[in-house]
Amino acid sequence: MPLASAKPMQKINRAPSPLLARTVPPLAIILGSVLQTLPLIASAPILPPLGFLFLLAWRQLRPGLLPVWAGLPLGLVDDLFSGQPMGSAMLLWSLAMLFLEAIERRFPWRSYLMDWFVAAGVILGYLLLGSVVAHVGKHGPIATVLTPQLLLSVLVFPLAERFIATCDRFRLWRFRAIS
């Protein structure tokens, strides 16, 4: 029968990789931005903005991990892949990060349901402002065009958070430390 102290001894000389700890969050968000370039033919936007959902998920699961200014460079990468006018994601992601920082300061302890409602509100604002920037409403009402994408984005957000939680576990994986 193994000793009770045998299990903690397996973690001696193990530490998270600083490289993974720093690079996994932005790379996961960039992956989400690249994934929205999948070849899907539709007359209206249907795919959720995965890069933005991943940004929201990182910000809500690990509030202090991404600095507030991280929306600017990550929004630039999203602008390059999304087809939106250049600078729209940079502006909207930065505004979303500022809004989430204000929510974090006002309500430091939140339930999962409140996080989901906050994310739904931020997603709604992002999609509406993004469509105004891209002039989607000049050919028809914005609500009819954006409703499927908005509903899908809000419903997919828990899955995005689940994926980001898995990425966070990978980010904090303990490797052998050489000292």
Protein backbone atom coordinates (compact mmCIF):
# COMPACT_ATOMS: atom_id res chain seq x y z
CA MET A 1 0.00 0.00 0.00
CA PRO A 2 1.54 3.35 -1.01
CA LEU A 3 2.16 5.99 1.59
CA ALA A 4 -0.21 8.95 1.81
CA SER A 5 2.66 11.34 1.13
CA ALA A 6 3.59 9.64 -2.16
CA LYS A 7 1.12 11.70 -4.21
CA PRO A 8 2.42 15.17 -3.23
CA MET A 9 5.96 14.02 -3.96
CA GLN A 10 5.01 13.66 -7.63
CA LYS A 11 4.65 17.44 -7.82
CA ILE A 12 8.13 18.21 -6.54
CA ASN A 13 10.25 20.00 -9.14
CA ARG A 14 7.17 20.87 -11.24
CA ALA A 15 6.10 24.38 -12.24
CA PRO A 16 3.92 26.00 -14.91
CA SER A 17 5.76 27.11 -18.01
CA PRO A 18 6.07 30.92 -18.15
CA LEU A 19 5.97 30.75 -21.95
CA LEU A 20 2.64 28.88 -21.95
CA ALA A 21 1.26 31.08 -19.19
CA ARG A 22 1.85 34.19 -21.31
CA THR A 23 1.09 32.95 -24.82
CA VAL A 24 -1.92 30.65 -24.52
CA PRO A 25 -4.56 33.39 -23.87
CA PRO A 26 -3.70 35.60 -26.88
CA LEU A 27 -3.16 32.58 -29.13
CA ALA A 28 -6.56 31.15 -28.18
CA ILE A 29 -8.22 34.48 -29.00
CA ILE A 30 -6.34 34.69 -32.31
CA LEU A 31 -7.43 31.11 -33.08
CA GLY A 32 -11.03 32.19 -32.52
CA SER A 33 -10.57 35.12 -34.89
CA VAL A 34 -9.06 32.86 -37.54
CA LEU A 35 -11.82 30.25 -37.16
CA GLN A 36 -14.46 32.74 -38.25
CA THR A 37 -12.91 32.70 -41.72
CA LEU A 38 -14.31 29.21 -42.31
CA PRO A 39 -15.89 28.95 -45.75
CA LEU A 40 -19.59 29.21 -44.95
CA ILE A 41 -21.90 30.69 -47.56
CA ALA A 42 -24.84 32.61 -46.08
CA SER A 43 -26.82 35.68 -47.04
CA ALA A 44 -26.48 37.11 -43.53
CA PRO A 45 -23.93 36.77 -40.75
CA ILE A 46 -24.56 33.56 -38.85
CA LEU A 47 -21.28 32.52 -37.22
CA PRO A 48 -20.65 33.98 -33.79
CA PRO A 49 -17.58 36.19 -33.43
CA LEU A 50 -15.46 33.47 -31.80
CA GLY A 51 -12.44 35.68 -31.17
CA PHE A 52 -14.62 38.13 -29.27
CA LEU A 53 -16.34 35.32 -27.36
CA PHE A 54 -12.93 33.93 -26.37
CA LEU A 55 -11.84 37.40 -25.24
CA LEU A 56 -14.95 37.69 -23.08
CA ALA A 57 -14.42 34.21 -21.68
CA TRP A 58 -10.78 34.90 -20.72
CA ARG A 59 -11.77 38.21 -19.16
CA GLN A 60 -14.54 36.65 -17.10
CA LEU A 61 -12.74 33.47 -16.06
CA ARG A 62 -9.40 35.16 -15.28
CA PRO A 63 -10.15 38.88 -14.75
CA GLY A 64 -6.58 40.04 -14.13
CA LEU A 65 -4.92 37.94 -16.80
CA LEU A 66 -5.41 40.18 -19.83
CA PRO A 67 -4.64 43.87 -19.38
CA VAL A 68 -7.32 46.36 -20.36
CA TRP A 69 -5.28 47.52 -23.38
CA ALA A 70 -5.17 43.97 -24.80
CA GLY A 71 -8.35 44.66 -26.78
CA LEU A 72 -6.44 46.94 -29.12
CA PRO A 73 -3.83 44.51 -30.57
CA LEU A 74 -6.19 41.53 -30.44
CA GLY A 75 -8.86 43.62 -32.17
CA LEU A 76 -6.33 44.46 -34.87
CA VAL A 77 -5.79 40.76 -35.54
CA ASP A 78 -9.56 40.24 -35.64
CA ASP A 79 -9.92 43.13 -38.08
CA LEU A 80 -7.44 41.46 -40.39
CA PHE A 81 -9.46 38.23 -40.50
CA SER A 82 -13.09 39.30 -40.04
CA GLY A 83 -13.62 41.53 -43.05
CA GLN A 84 -14.99 44.35 -40.91
CA PRO A 85 -13.70 47.86 -41.61
CA MET A 86 -10.20 48.32 -40.23
CA GLY A 87 -10.29 49.62 -36.68
CA SER A 88 -13.82 48.55 -35.81
CA ALA A 89 -12.81 45.52 -33.73
CA MET A 90 -9.94 47.48 -32.23
CA LEU A 91 -12.39 50.12 -30.99
CA LEU A 92 -15.17 47.74 -29.97
CA TRP A 93 -12.89 45.24 -28.21
CA SER A 94 -11.21 48.07 -26.31
CA LEU A 95 -14.61 49.44 -25.26
CA ALA A 96 -15.70 45.96 -24.20
CA MET A 97 -12.55 45.52 -22.11
CA LEU A 98 -13.15 48.89 -20.42
CA PHE A 99 -16.79 47.94 -19.76
CA LEU A 100 -15.81 44.56 -18.32
CA GLU A 101 -13.20 46.23 -16.12
CA ALA A 102 -15.90 48.57 -14.77
CA ILE A 103 -18.22 45.61 -14.12
CA GLU A 104 -15.37 43.77 -12.39
CA ARG A 105 -14.69 46.72 -10.10
CA ARG A 106 -18.38 47.27 -9.34
CA PHE A 107 -19.30 43.59 -8.83
CA PRO A 108 -16.19 41.62 -7.85
CA TRP A 109 -18.23 38.54 -6.83
CA ARG A 110 -20.71 37.46 -9.47
CA SER A 111 -22.68 34.34 -10.20
CA TYR A 112 -22.39 32.41 -13.43
CA LEU A 113 -25.82 33.62 -14.49
CA MET A 114 -24.80 37.25 -14.04
CA ASP A 115 -21.63 36.61 -16.05
CA TRP A 116 -23.76 35.15 -18.82
CA PHE A 117 -26.11 38.16 -18.78
CA VAL A 118 -23.16 40.56 -18.86
CA ALA A 119 -21.66 38.60 -21.75
CA ALA A 120 -25.01 38.63 -23.59
CA GLY A 121 -25.23 42.41 -23.18
CA VAL A 122 -21.67 42.93 -24.36
CA ILE A 123 -22.22 40.61 -27.34
CA LEU A 124 -25.41 42.49 -28.23
CA GLY A 125 -23.58 45.82 -28.06
CA TYR A 126 -20.66 44.47 -30.07
CA LEU A 127 -22.85 43.08 -32.85
CA LEU A 128 -25.06 46.17 -33.04
CA LEU A 129 -22.16 48.64 -33.07
CA GLY A 130 -20.23 46.43 -35.50
CA SER A 131 -23.19 46.40 -37.87
CA VAL A 132 -23.53 50.18 -37.62
CA VAL A 133 -19.86 50.55 -38.48
CA ALA A 134 -20.24 48.16 -41.43
CA HIS A 135 -23.50 49.84 -42.59
CA VAL A 136 -25.53 46.63 -42.50
CA GLY A 137 -28.79 48.45 -41.79
CA LYS A 138 -28.90 50.57 -44.93
CA HIS A 139 -30.48 47.73 -46.95
CA GLY A 140 -32.87 46.43 -44.31
CA PRO A 141 -33.62 46.37 -40.60
CA ILE A 142 -30.64 45.43 -38.46
CA ALA A 143 -32.70 43.30 -36.06
CA THR A 144 -33.76 40.78 -38.70
CA VAL A 145 -30.22 40.44 -39.98
CA LEU A 146 -28.47 40.13 -36.62
CA THR A 147 -30.99 38.06 -34.62
CA PRO A 148 -29.69 34.61 -35.69
CA GLN A 149 -26.06 35.58 -35.06
CA LEU A 150 -26.94 37.17 -31.72
CA LEU A 151 -28.92 34.16 -30.51
CA LEU A 152 -26.24 31.73 -31.64
CA SER A 153 -23.51 33.84 -30.02
CA VAL A 154 -25.30 34.00 -26.67
CA LEU A 155 -26.07 30.29 -26.72
CA VAL A 156 -22.53 29.31 -27.76
CA PHE A 157 -20.89 31.48 -25.09
CA PRO A 158 -20.95 28.76 -22.37
CA LEU A 159 -19.19 26.41 -24.79
CA ALA A 160 -16.61 29.11 -25.49
CA GLU A 161 -16.08 29.49 -21.75
CA ARG A 162 -15.68 25.73 -21.44
CA PHE A 163 -13.04 25.74 -24.19
CA ILE A 164 -11.22 28.64 -22.53
CA ALA A 165 -11.30 26.83 -19.19
CA THR A 166 -9.64 23.86 -20.89
CA CYS A 167 -7.04 26.20 -22.39
CA ASP A 168 -6.49 27.68 -18.93
CA ARG A 169 -5.85 24.24 -17.47
CA PHE A 170 -3.35 23.61 -20.27
CA ARG A 171 -1.79 27.03 -19.64
CA LEU A 172 -1.15 26.11 -16.00
CA TRP A 173 0.07 22.58 -16.73
CA ARG A 174 3.05 21.74 -14.54
CA PHE A 175 6.25 20.78 -16.29
CA ARG A 176 9.55 19.66 -14.87
CA ALA A 177 11.43 22.68 -13.57
CA ILE A 178 15.17 22.75 -14.05
CA SER A 179 16.91 24.94 -11.55
